[in-house]
Protein backbone atom coordinates (compact mmCIF):
# COMPACT_ATOMS: atom_id res chain seq x y z
CA MET A 1 -35.48 -17.57 -6.55
CA THR A 2 -31.86 -17.64 -7.71
CA SER A 3 -31.37 -13.90 -8.25
CA PHE A 4 -33.00 -10.49 -8.17
CA GLY A 5 -32.62 -10.27 -11.96
CA MET A 6 -31.94 -6.81 -13.42
CA TRP A 7 -32.11 -5.21 -9.98
CA GLY A 8 -28.79 -6.75 -9.30
CA ILE A 9 -27.19 -4.43 -11.91
CA ILE A 10 -27.92 -1.41 -9.83
CA PRO A 11 -25.02 -1.73 -7.18
CA PRO A 12 -22.11 -2.10 -9.58
CA LEU A 13 -23.59 0.34 -12.11
CA LEU A 14 -24.22 2.93 -9.33
CA THR A 15 -20.68 2.41 -8.07
CA ILE A 16 -19.21 2.98 -11.47
CA VAL A 17 -21.24 6.09 -12.12
CA LEU A 18 -20.51 7.64 -8.75
CA ALA A 19 -16.88 6.90 -9.14
CA PHE A 20 -16.86 8.83 -12.39
CA VAL A 21 -18.81 11.72 -10.81
CA THR A 22 -17.22 11.97 -7.31
CA LYS A 23 -13.73 10.59 -8.05
CA ASP A 24 -14.04 9.01 -4.57
CA VAL A 25 -14.01 5.20 -4.84
CA ILE A 26 -14.68 4.68 -1.04
CA VAL A 27 -17.89 6.65 -1.06
CA SER A 28 -18.93 5.10 -4.38
CA LEU A 29 -18.35 1.60 -3.03
CA PHE A 30 -20.23 2.34 0.19
CA LEU A 31 -23.28 3.69 -1.70
CA GLY A 32 -23.13 0.73 -4.10
CA ILE A 33 -23.18 -1.70 -1.13
CA LEU A 34 -26.03 0.25 0.47
CA SER A 35 -28.10 0.05 -2.74
CA GLY A 36 -27.57 -3.64 -2.80
CA THR A 37 -28.76 -4.12 0.80
CA LEU A 38 -31.72 -1.86 0.14
CA ILE A 39 -32.84 -4.10 -2.72
CA VAL A 40 -32.40 -7.27 -0.54
CA ALA A 41 -34.23 -5.50 2.39
CA GLY A 42 -37.18 -4.63 0.20
CA GLY A 43 -36.53 -0.91 0.50
CA ASN A 44 -36.38 -0.86 4.35
CA PRO A 45 -33.58 1.56 5.12
CA ALA A 46 -33.06 0.47 8.66
CA LEU A 47 -32.83 -3.15 7.75
CA ALA A 48 -30.54 -2.29 4.79
CA ILE A 49 -28.06 -0.47 7.05
CA MET A 50 -28.05 -3.40 9.55
CA ASN A 51 -27.54 -5.78 6.60
CA LEU A 52 -24.67 -3.62 5.30
CA ALA A 53 -23.01 -3.70 8.80
CA ASP A 54 -23.39 -7.49 8.90
CA ALA A 55 -22.00 -7.85 5.36
CA LEU A 56 -18.96 -5.72 6.17
CA ALA A 57 -18.25 -7.59 9.30
CA GLY A 58 -18.83 -10.92 7.54
CA SER A 59 -16.31 -10.11 4.87
CA LEU A 60 -13.70 -9.64 7.60
CA ALA A 61 -14.76 -12.71 9.48
CA ASP A 62 -13.64 -14.93 6.69
CA GLY A 63 -10.29 -16.59 7.55
CA TRP A 64 -8.70 -15.85 4.18
CA ASN A 65 -9.87 -12.27 4.10
CA ILE A 66 -8.73 -11.21 7.60
CA ARG A 67 -5.24 -12.75 7.00
CA ILE A 68 -4.92 -10.76 3.70
CA PHE A 69 -6.20 -7.67 5.50
CA LEU A 70 -3.53 -8.10 8.18
CA PHE A 71 -0.89 -8.90 5.66
CA CYS A 72 -1.53 -5.64 3.83
CA ALA A 73 -1.55 -3.68 7.12
CA LEU A 74 1.69 -5.25 8.41
CA LEU A 75 3.35 -4.80 4.99
CA GLY A 76 2.62 -1.05 5.43
CA GLY A 77 4.29 -1.43 8.85
CA LEU A 78 7.37 -3.09 7.29
CA VAL A 79 7.58 -0.21 4.81
CA GLY A 80 7.44 2.26 7.62
CA MET A 81 10.42 0.52 9.34
CA LEU A 82 12.38 0.63 6.12
CA SER A 83 11.65 4.34 5.61
CA ARG A 84 12.64 5.29 9.16
CA THR A 85 16.19 3.83 9.01
CA GLY A 86 17.60 5.87 6.06
CA SER A 87 18.83 2.58 4.47
CA ALA A 88 17.44 3.67 1.09
CA GLY A 89 19.69 6.72 1.03
CA ALA A 90 22.75 4.49 1.91
CA PHE A 91 21.80 2.28 -0.94
CA GLY A 92 21.55 5.28 -3.23
CA ARG A 93 24.94 6.67 -2.26
CA TRP A 94 26.49 3.38 -3.00
CA ALA A 95 24.83 3.13 -6.26
CA SER A 96 25.79 6.66 -7.30
CA SER A 97 29.50 5.65 -7.21
CA LYS A 98 28.91 2.98 -9.73
CA LEU A 99 26.86 4.90 -12.39
CA LYS A 100 28.32 7.40 -14.87
CA THR A 101 26.03 7.41 -17.92
CA ARG A 102 22.42 8.36 -18.77
CA LYS A 103 21.54 4.86 -19.92
CA GLY A 104 23.13 3.31 -16.83
CA SER A 105 21.26 5.53 -14.39
CA GLN A 106 18.03 4.80 -16.17
CA LEU A 107 18.65 1.07 -16.22
CA MET A 108 19.47 1.05 -12.54
CA SER A 109 16.20 2.98 -11.82
CA PHE A 110 14.35 0.29 -13.76
CA ILE A 111 16.00 -2.54 -11.97
CA PHE A 112 15.47 -1.04 -8.48
CA GLY A 113 11.87 -0.49 -9.42
CA ILE A 114 11.55 -4.21 -10.20
CA ILE A 115 13.48 -5.30 -7.05
CA ILE A 116 11.46 -3.16 -4.70
CA PHE A 117 8.07 -4.70 -5.56
CA ILE A 118 6.50 -5.20 -2.18
CA ASP A 119 4.47 -1.94 -2.25
CA ASP A 120 3.84 0.58 -5.01
CA TYR A 121 3.93 3.62 -2.71
CA PHE A 122 7.24 2.53 -1.22
CA ASN A 123 8.57 1.76 -4.72
CA SER A 124 7.87 5.25 -6.01
CA LEU A 125 9.19 7.17 -3.04
CA THR A 126 12.19 4.97 -2.23
CA VAL A 127 13.57 4.52 -5.75
CA GLY A 128 12.96 8.19 -6.42
CA THR A 129 14.91 9.15 -3.30
CA ILE A 130 17.79 6.78 -4.35
CA MET A 131 17.98 7.67 -8.05
CA ARG A 132 17.04 11.32 -8.32
CA PRO A 133 20.48 12.73 -7.51
CA ILE A 134 22.13 10.15 -9.79
CA CYS A 135 19.78 10.87 -12.69
CA ASP A 136 20.32 14.59 -12.12
CA LYS A 137 24.07 14.13 -12.33
CA THR A 138 23.78 12.19 -15.63
CA LYS A 139 21.23 14.65 -17.14
CA VAL A 140 18.17 12.41 -17.11
CA SER A 141 15.01 14.56 -17.00
CA ARG A 142 12.87 14.36 -13.96
CA ALA A 143 9.92 13.42 -16.18
CA LYS A 144 11.82 10.33 -17.46
CA LEU A 145 12.69 9.29 -13.95
CA ALA A 146 9.05 9.75 -12.87
CA TYR A 147 7.87 7.63 -15.80
CA ILE A 148 10.28 4.77 -14.87
CA LEU A 149 9.14 4.98 -11.22
CA ASP A 150 5.46 4.90 -12.17
CA SER A 151 5.97 2.10 -14.74
CA THR A 152 7.75 -0.16 -12.13
CA ALA A 153 5.16 0.49 -9.37
CA ALA A 154 1.70 -0.89 -10.17
CA PRO A 155 2.73 -2.84 -13.22
CA VAL A 156 5.36 -4.74 -11.16
CA CYS A 157 3.30 -5.10 -7.99
CA ILE A 158 0.52 -6.89 -9.94
CA ILE A 159 2.86 -9.59 -11.24
CA ALA A 160 4.99 -10.13 -8.18
CA PRO A 161 4.11 -13.24 -6.07
CA VAL A 162 4.51 -11.30 -2.82
CA SER A 163 2.73 -7.99 -2.74
CA SER A 164 -0.50 -6.50 -1.31
CA TRP A 165 -1.86 -6.19 -4.94
CA VAL A 166 -1.58 -9.82 -5.66
CA VAL A 167 -3.23 -11.04 -2.53
CA THR A 168 -6.06 -8.59 -3.16
CA VAL A 169 -6.70 -9.93 -6.63
CA MET A 170 -6.51 -13.49 -5.28
CA SER A 171 -9.00 -12.80 -2.49
CA ILE A 172 -11.55 -11.23 -4.97
CA VAL A 173 -11.09 -13.98 -7.54
CA LYS A 174 -11.50 -16.64 -4.84
CA GLY A 175 -14.84 -15.16 -3.83
CA SER A 176 -16.21 -14.75 -7.32
CA ALA A 177 -19.01 -17.04 -8.65
CA GLY A 178 -17.68 -19.66 -11.02
CA PHE A 179 -14.12 -19.78 -9.58
CA ASP A 180 -14.75 -23.11 -7.79
CA SER A 181 -15.39 -24.79 -11.17
CA LEU A 182 -11.76 -24.13 -12.25
CA GLY A 183 -10.41 -26.69 -9.80
CA MET A 184 -7.40 -24.79 -8.59
CA THR A 185 -6.19 -22.58 -5.63
CA PRO A 186 -6.23 -18.76 -6.00
CA PHE A 187 -2.37 -18.84 -5.78
CA GLU A 188 -2.04 -21.32 -8.64
CA PHE A 189 -4.53 -19.16 -10.65
CA PHE A 190 -2.38 -16.18 -10.07
CA ILE A 191 0.93 -17.84 -11.01
CA ARG A 192 -0.52 -19.27 -14.25
CA SER A 193 -2.15 -15.94 -15.15
CA ILE A 194 1.08 -13.89 -15.06
CA PRO A 195 1.85 -14.43 -18.74
CA TYR A 196 -1.70 -13.29 -19.66
CA ASN A 197 -1.21 -9.77 -18.22
CA LEU A 198 -0.43 -7.91 -21.48
CA TYR A 199 -0.47 -4.36 -20.10
CA ALA A 200 1.72 -4.92 -17.03
CA LEU A 201 4.37 -6.91 -18.88
CA GLY A 202 4.04 -4.74 -21.98
CA THR A 203 4.71 -1.61 -19.93
CA LEU A 204 7.92 -3.10 -18.64
CA VAL A 205 8.94 -4.08 -22.17
CA LEU A 206 8.32 -0.51 -23.42
CA VAL A 207 10.22 1.11 -20.56
CA PHE A 208 13.22 -1.12 -21.17
CA SER A 209 13.09 -0.56 -24.92
CA LEU A 210 12.98 3.20 -24.52
CA ILE A 211 15.91 3.12 -22.14
CA VAL A 212 18.00 0.96 -24.42
CA THR A 213 17.17 2.62 -27.77
CA GLY A 214 16.51 6.15 -26.67
CA ARG A 215 13.62 6.47 -29.04
CA ASP A 216 11.42 8.82 -26.96
CA PHE A 217 8.49 10.56 -28.48
CA GLY A 218 5.89 13.13 -27.70
CA PRO A 219 6.28 15.54 -24.79
CA MET A 220 8.84 13.15 -23.22
CA LYS A 221 11.29 13.73 -26.08
CA LYS A 222 11.11 17.52 -25.35
CA SER A 223 11.71 17.02 -21.67
CA GLU A 224 14.70 14.79 -22.36
CA GLN A 225 16.14 17.26 -24.78
CA LEU A 226 15.90 20.14 -22.33
CA ALA A 227 17.72 18.05 -19.67
CA LEU A 228 20.47 16.91 -22.11
CA THR A 229 21.26 20.04 -24.05
CA GLY A 230 19.89 22.85 -21.80
CA GLY A 231 20.60 21.38 -18.39
CA LYS A 232 16.95 21.99 -17.39
CA LEU A 233 15.78 18.89 -15.52
CA TYR A 234 12.12 19.92 -15.39
CA ASN A 235 9.97 22.45 -17.23
CA ASP A 236 8.53 24.61 -14.36
CA GLU A 237 7.66 27.38 -16.85
CA LYS A 238 5.27 25.21 -18.79
CA TYR A 239 4.07 22.83 -16.13
CA GLY A 240 4.38 24.72 -12.83
CA PRO A 241 6.68 24.19 -9.91
CA VAL A 242 7.65 20.87 -8.34
CA SER A 243 4.93 19.99 -5.77
CA GLY A 244 7.32 18.40 -3.34
CA GLU A 245 10.37 16.22 -3.10
CA VAL A 246 11.02 13.35 -0.66
CA GLU A 247 14.11 13.94 1.35
CA ASP A 248 16.39 11.18 2.36
CA ASN A 249 16.40 10.22 6.09
CA LEU A 250 20.11 10.61 6.53
CA ASN A 251 21.61 8.00 8.82
CA GLU A 252 25.38 7.55 8.71
CA LYS A 253 25.13 4.13 10.33
CA ALA A 254 22.92 2.81 7.48
CA LYS A 255 24.45 0.52 4.75
CA PRO A 256 23.15 -0.70 1.43
CA VAL A 257 22.49 -4.14 2.78
CA ASP A 258 20.04 -2.65 5.42
CA MET A 259 17.51 -1.95 2.66
CA LEU A 260 17.92 -5.29 0.96
CA PHE A 261 17.72 -7.49 4.06
CA PRO A 262 13.99 -7.05 4.79
CA ILE A 263 13.02 -7.37 1.14
CA LEU A 264 15.06 -10.58 0.62
CA PHE A 265 13.98 -12.01 3.92
CA LEU A 266 10.25 -11.48 3.02
CA ILE A 267 10.78 -13.22 -0.36
CA ALA A 268 12.67 -16.12 1.26
CA ALA A 269 10.17 -16.50 4.07
CA ALA A 270 7.29 -16.58 1.57
CA LEU A 271 9.03 -19.28 -0.61
CA VAL A 272 9.54 -21.33 2.50
CA PHE A 273 6.06 -20.99 3.89
CA PHE A 274 4.24 -21.79 0.63
CA PRO A 275 4.98 -25.49 0.85
CA VAL A 276 5.29 -25.52 4.66
CA THR A 277 1.72 -24.31 4.97
CA THR A 278 0.40 -27.10 2.77
CA TRP A 279 2.36 -29.74 4.61
CA LYS A 280 1.26 -28.34 8.00
CA ASN A 281 -2.42 -28.24 7.02
CA SER A 282 -2.39 -31.77 5.65
CA VAL A 283 -1.65 -33.27 9.15
CA ASP A 284 -5.08 -34.50 10.03
CA GLY A 285 -4.15 -36.86 12.89
CA LYS A 286 -5.48 -39.88 10.99
CA ALA A 287 -3.99 -40.63 7.56
CA ILE A 288 -1.15 -38.20 8.21
CA THR A 289 -0.05 -37.80 11.80
CA SER A 290 3.22 -35.82 11.62
CA PHE A 291 4.75 -32.99 9.66
CA GLY A 292 7.54 -35.30 8.45
CA GLN A 293 4.94 -37.77 7.06
CA ALA A 294 3.17 -34.85 5.47
CA VAL A 295 6.40 -33.80 3.66
CA HIS A 296 6.79 -37.33 2.29
CA SER A 297 3.14 -37.51 1.19
CA MET A 298 3.41 -35.03 -1.66
CA SER A 299 5.97 -33.49 -3.95
CA LEU A 300 7.37 -29.96 -3.39
CA GLY A 301 5.56 -28.85 -6.59
CA ASP A 302 2.19 -30.06 -5.35
CA ALA A 303 2.79 -28.40 -1.99
CA PHE A 304 3.36 -25.04 -3.71
CA LYS A 305 0.41 -25.55 -6.01
CA ASN A 306 -2.06 -26.40 -3.20
CA THR A 307 -0.93 -23.79 -0.70
CA ASP A 308 -3.17 -21.45 1.24
CA ALA A 309 -1.48 -18.26 0.18
CA SER A 310 -3.22 -16.15 2.83
CA VAL A 311 -1.70 -18.28 5.58
CA ALA A 312 1.75 -18.50 4.05
CA LEU A 313 2.05 -14.76 3.36
CA PHE A 314 0.76 -13.97 6.89
CA TYR A 315 3.39 -16.15 8.41
CA ALA A 316 5.98 -14.62 6.09
CA ILE A 317 5.18 -11.05 7.03
CA ILE A 318 5.09 -11.73 10.82
CA PHE A 319 8.52 -13.49 10.69
CA THR A 320 9.95 -10.71 8.50
CA ILE A 321 8.87 -7.95 10.82
CA VAL A 322 10.35 -9.75 13.78
CA ALA A 323 13.59 -10.50 11.98
CA THR A 324 13.85 -6.95 10.64
CA TYR A 325 13.18 -5.49 14.07
CA ILE A 326 15.93 -7.62 15.55
CA TYR A 327 18.32 -6.81 12.71
CA TYR A 328 17.78 -3.06 12.95
CA MET A 329 18.15 -3.18 16.79
CA LEU A 330 21.51 -5.09 16.44
CA ARG A 331 22.67 -2.64 13.77
CA GLY A 332 21.79 0.38 16.02
CA LEU A 333 19.43 1.77 13.42
CA MET A 334 16.18 1.65 15.43
CA LYS A 335 15.17 1.77 19.08
CA LEU A 336 12.04 0.21 20.66
CA SER A 337 10.15 3.50 20.67
CA THR A 338 11.03 4.41 17.06
CA ALA A 339 10.19 0.90 15.84
CA GLY A 340 6.76 1.29 17.27
CA GLU A 341 6.28 4.69 15.67
CA ALA A 342 7.54 3.38 12.34
CA LEU A 343 5.13 0.44 12.42
CA ARG A 344 2.24 2.73 13.31
CA ASP A 345 3.01 5.30 10.61
CA GLY A 346 3.41 2.48 7.98
CA ILE A 347 0.11 0.86 8.90
CA LYS A 348 -1.56 4.28 8.89
CA SER A 349 -0.47 4.86 5.36
CA MET A 350 -2.33 1.68 4.32
CA ILE A 351 -5.69 2.61 5.85
CA PRO A 352 -7.27 3.94 2.60
CA ALA A 353 -6.26 0.79 0.75
CA LEU A 354 -7.58 -1.43 3.48
CA ILE A 355 -10.98 0.31 3.51
CA ILE A 356 -11.25 -0.12 -0.26
CA LEU A 357 -10.29 -3.76 0.06
CA ALA A 358 -12.93 -4.50 2.78
CA MET A 359 -15.59 -2.70 0.74
CA ALA A 360 -14.52 -4.55 -2.44
CA TRP A 361 -15.04 -7.93 -0.62
CA THR A 362 -18.42 -6.70 0.73
CA ILE A 363 -19.85 -5.54 -2.58
CA GLY A 364 -18.41 -8.65 -4.26
CA GLY A 365 -20.19 -10.81 -1.63
CA ILE A 366 -23.50 -9.14 -2.08
CA ILE A 367 -23.28 -9.36 -5.89
CA LYS A 368 -22.28 -12.98 -5.83
CA SER A 369 -24.39 -14.47 -3.04
CA SER A 370 -27.87 -15.92 -3.69
CA PRO A 371 -31.04 -14.21 -2.31
CA ALA A 372 -31.20 -17.03 0.27
CA ASP A 373 -27.81 -15.92 1.60
CA GLY A 374 -28.70 -12.27 1.57
CA GLY A 375 -27.24 -11.40 -1.83
CA LEU A 376 -28.42 -10.47 -5.28
CA GLY A 377 -27.25 -13.47 -7.29
CA LEU A 378 -25.99 -11.13 -10.07
CA GLY A 379 -23.33 -13.57 -11.24
CA VAL A 380 -25.82 -16.34 -11.88
CA TYR A 381 -28.24 -13.88 -13.70
CA LEU A 382 -25.51 -12.39 -15.97
CA SER A 383 -24.13 -15.80 -16.77
CA GLU A 384 -27.54 -17.13 -17.76
CA LEU A 385 -28.31 -13.86 -19.68
CA VAL A 386 -25.21 -13.86 -21.90
CA VAL A 387 -25.27 -17.60 -22.41
CA LYS A 388 -28.95 -17.64 -23.49
CA GLY A 389 -28.36 -14.50 -25.60
CA ARG A 390 -25.47 -16.29 -27.36
CA PHE A 391 -23.10 -13.32 -26.67
CA PRO A 392 -19.81 -13.94 -28.48
CA LEU A 393 -17.14 -14.99 -26.01
CA MET A 394 -14.40 -13.76 -28.33
CA PHE A 395 -15.25 -10.14 -27.56
CA ILE A 396 -15.31 -10.32 -23.76
CA PRO A 397 -11.54 -9.80 -23.15
CA ALA A 398 -11.29 -6.58 -25.22
CA ILE A 399 -14.57 -5.18 -23.80
CA VAL A 400 -13.72 -5.76 -20.14
CA PHE A 401 -10.17 -4.42 -20.69
CA ALA A 402 -11.54 -1.10 -22.18
CA LEU A 403 -14.25 -0.82 -19.40
CA SER A 404 -11.77 -1.56 -16.58
CA ALA A 405 -9.33 0.99 -18.05
CA LEU A 406 -12.05 3.62 -18.24
CA ILE A 407 -13.25 2.99 -14.64
CA SER A 408 -9.72 2.94 -13.14
CA PHE A 409 -8.64 6.06 -15.06
CA ALA A 410 -11.73 7.93 -13.87
CA THR A 411 -11.25 6.87 -10.21
CA GLY A 412 -7.47 6.72 -10.04
CA THR A 413 -7.52 3.31 -8.29
CA SER A 414 -7.16 -0.20 -9.55
CA TRP A 415 -8.22 -1.89 -6.29
CA GLY A 416 -11.78 -0.53 -6.49
CA THR A 417 -11.91 -1.57 -10.08
CA PHE A 418 -10.86 -5.13 -9.16
CA GLY A 419 -13.71 -5.24 -6.59
CA ILE A 420 -16.31 -4.01 -9.14
CA MET A 421 -15.28 -5.91 -12.25
CA ILE A 422 -13.84 -9.32 -11.23
CA PRO A 423 -17.08 -10.58 -9.58
CA LEU A 424 -18.97 -9.60 -12.78
CA VAL A 425 -16.55 -11.01 -15.33
CA MET A 426 -15.67 -14.32 -13.77
CA PRO A 427 -19.21 -15.92 -13.88
CA ILE A 428 -19.72 -14.58 -17.44
CA ALA A 429 -16.50 -16.11 -18.68
CA VAL A 430 -17.10 -19.45 -16.94
CA GLY A 431 -20.74 -19.50 -18.01
CA LEU A 432 -19.94 -18.90 -21.72
CA ALA A 433 -17.08 -21.40 -21.73
CA GLN A 434 -19.15 -24.03 -20.13
CA ALA A 435 -22.03 -23.37 -22.58
CA LYS A 436 -19.59 -24.07 -25.44
CA GLY A 437 -18.70 -27.42 -23.80
CA LEU A 438 -15.05 -26.51 -23.29
CA ASN A 439 -12.82 -28.97 -21.31
CA ASN A 440 -11.37 -27.87 -17.97
CA GLU A 441 -8.07 -26.60 -19.42
CA ALA A 442 -9.86 -24.47 -22.02
CA LEU A 443 -12.18 -23.18 -19.32
CA VAL A 444 -9.19 -22.13 -17.23
CA ASN A 445 -7.65 -20.47 -20.33
CA VAL A 446 -10.74 -18.42 -20.93
CA SER A 447 -11.07 -17.32 -17.41
CA MET A 448 -7.50 -16.31 -17.23
CA ILE A 449 -7.62 -14.22 -20.40
CA CYS A 450 -10.78 -12.44 -19.19
CA ILE A 451 -9.55 -11.78 -15.66
CA ALA A 452 -6.11 -10.67 -17.03
CA ALA A 453 -7.94 -8.17 -19.18
CA VAL A 454 -9.71 -6.79 -16.15
CA VAL A 455 -6.48 -6.54 -14.18
CA GLY A 456 -4.61 -4.99 -17.08
CA GLY A 457 -7.24 -2.39 -17.69
CA ALA A 458 -7.37 -1.60 -13.96
CA VAL A 459 -3.56 -1.20 -13.76
CA PHE A 460 -3.59 1.18 -16.74
CA GLY A 461 -5.84 3.55 -14.80
CA ASP A 462 -3.69 3.38 -11.67
CA HIS A 463 -0.67 3.91 -13.94
CA ALA A 464 -1.86 6.75 -16.09
CA SER A 465 -4.62 8.66 -14.26
CA PRO A 466 -3.55 12.10 -12.96
CA ILE A 467 -5.54 11.49 -9.76
CA SER A 468 -3.91 8.10 -9.05
CA ASP A 469 -1.86 7.89 -5.82
CA THR A 470 1.06 6.29 -7.53
CA THR A 471 1.08 8.84 -10.36
CA ILE A 472 1.16 11.60 -7.68
CA LEU A 473 3.77 9.83 -5.56
CA SER A 474 5.97 9.15 -8.67
CA SER A 475 5.99 12.88 -9.39
CA THR A 476 6.89 13.50 -5.81
CA GLY A 477 9.65 10.86 -5.63
CA ALA A 478 11.15 12.08 -8.85
CA GLY A 479 10.88 15.80 -7.88
CA CYS A 480 8.94 16.40 -11.13
CA PRO A 481 6.05 18.83 -11.68
CA HIS A 482 2.95 16.62 -11.53
CA LEU A 483 1.51 18.00 -14.83
CA GLU A 484 4.76 17.33 -16.64
CA HIS A 485 4.79 13.72 -15.41
CA VAL A 486 1.18 13.23 -16.54
CA ALA A 487 1.75 14.89 -19.88
CA THR A 488 4.91 13.04 -20.71
CA GLN A 489 3.78 9.64 -19.46
CA MET A 490 0.27 9.66 -21.04
CA PRO A 491 1.36 8.90 -24.61
CA TYR A 492 3.40 5.93 -23.48
CA ALA A 493 0.66 4.48 -21.22
CA VAL A 494 -2.08 4.98 -23.87
CA PHE A 495 0.24 3.40 -26.49
CA VAL A 496 0.69 0.21 -24.45
CA ALA A 497 -3.05 0.21 -23.56
CA VAL A 498 -4.01 0.38 -27.33
CA CYS A 499 -1.50 -2.44 -28.12
CA SER A 500 -3.00 -4.47 -25.25
CA LEU A 501 -6.53 -3.81 -26.52
CA ILE A 502 -5.49 -5.06 -29.97
CA GLY A 503 -3.90 -8.06 -28.42
CA PHE A 504 -6.87 -9.03 -26.30
CA PHE A 505 -9.16 -8.51 -29.20
CA VAL A 506 -7.18 -10.87 -31.56
CA GLY A 507 -6.32 -13.26 -28.74
CA GLY A 508 -9.95 -13.36 -27.71
CA ILE A 509 -11.03 -14.40 -31.26
CA PHE A 510 -8.74 -17.46 -31.02
CA MET A 511 -8.76 -17.71 -27.17
CA ASN A 512 -5.00 -18.12 -27.44
CA MET A 513 -2.58 -16.07 -25.40
CA LEU A 514 0.38 -16.75 -27.76
CA ILE A 515 -1.54 -15.11 -30.59
CA ALA A 516 -2.41 -12.22 -28.31
CA TRP A 517 1.23 -11.71 -27.49
CA ILE A 518 2.29 -11.94 -31.18
CA THR A 519 -0.34 -9.37 -32.08
CA PHE A 520 0.71 -7.08 -29.07
CA ALA A 521 4.44 -7.44 -29.99
CA ALA A 522 3.77 -6.53 -33.57
CA ALA A 523 1.72 -3.45 -32.64
CA LEU A 524 4.38 -2.32 -30.05
CA ALA A 525 7.22 -2.78 -32.61
CA ALA A 526 5.36 -0.80 -35.25
CA GLY A 527 4.65 1.96 -32.78
CA LEU A 528 8.32 2.21 -31.66
CA ILE A 529 9.37 2.52 -35.37
CA PHE A 530 6.81 5.08 -36.51
CA LEU A 531 5.75 7.11 -33.41
CA PRO A 532 9.17 8.77 -32.78
CA ARG A 533 9.10 9.98 -36.41
CA SER A 534 5.44 11.12 -36.55
CA MET A 535 4.58 12.40 -33.13
CA LYS A 536 5.56 15.98 -32.29
CA SER A 537 7.57 16.60 -29.18
CA GLU A 538 5.72 19.82 -28.18
């Protein structure tokens, strides 16, 4: 038996339904996993719970997974160290002396949001803390600042080579049925898939366009007019009071460079360890006996392409934390006791994301694995079903984008959506492409378009949902009433999502990303021309 057939649909379907009903992705994933182990155990609840425990432990026993798990936890620890020193405030005070105009303060907020890409939570709170007084001084509405913060959080994290988001997607892609047939590493898959992410890149294009042109529309236009002409930075009469503002940890010793050092060090360390990891792992004691011989055995490009990203990133975060600790100690910004507290608090903030990540791996493993290995074999079943049913491959990208957007918007999380959708979509895309007899390059192209559609839809929900953590933290970081942020941002997020859906639909017909981008750009340009004229600001 290669699969449990239609029974395998129950875990992901139950997870999706429960996510909509409960708005709790952790409980939904847990019950989805339990339903899968119950099917495998033939309805025996005791055996199902034991299988669930084994599956969860097994997902963390994998070398790749545990390094990614620890990378995410330690990244939270690094963020905790950054927050404790007050370096963000020092950077903000320096920046405020350079900015005098509305456009300049918005552009600087946008640039900082792109630079601080290692974590979406840290991005929203830190950039908000830095830029809020500057934007207040130049009469930029809190709603506009919150929109810039939110739009440079998840959309930037998902395309940055060094972030917890990227390693999560790589780990789920790596474990999905059909990925092995692509003939590439998860890191190479990620790098090559960046141009396919219409929603994330399109969001950045829209934010930049709105800042440069000032062509706001909908409720945002009203908020901007109130700030500019009435001096009212947020509309508490209509949307309620500000729920909270993040205060700067004032530290007179801190300097702007103190915030940039850890971020730049992490990027540099990752760039060094990507090829170093490949060279180190190629030393087998037989054909290659030394590191120097390994370096000369392959080009730098091949070393980057064939890297084990989990190892490289884990090395990078360890070295970065050590270097940052030493640097802050020498600068007098942190003591041994406060460093430990900062690390602990930062890691604690990552616990919900880590739980979701572990459960996403677990449900993905149960869905993918064959019955002989304790799974449901759903990937094999769905692939055979859609191939034999001659389902049109051209419609897959648009359908999975819409479904992923719906799930993530309802749950407020993209990570759970990754865990549900990627293991389902990868085998379908690969199976349909292979049934058409496509060559390897075309197979890779199809897979990237389909997975980019999943990722883009998931990021939309994280970006726009009123119950999303980053949406809430962007409101907090900007000091904006949460309902005002949601109301003013929603038209923009939905606009980019509709443009992305059109792009994936047309691009899916031709399976050509250039055509998808041309279609997307045309829809975006048309919207920027007509929406400010036609959409009311009330």
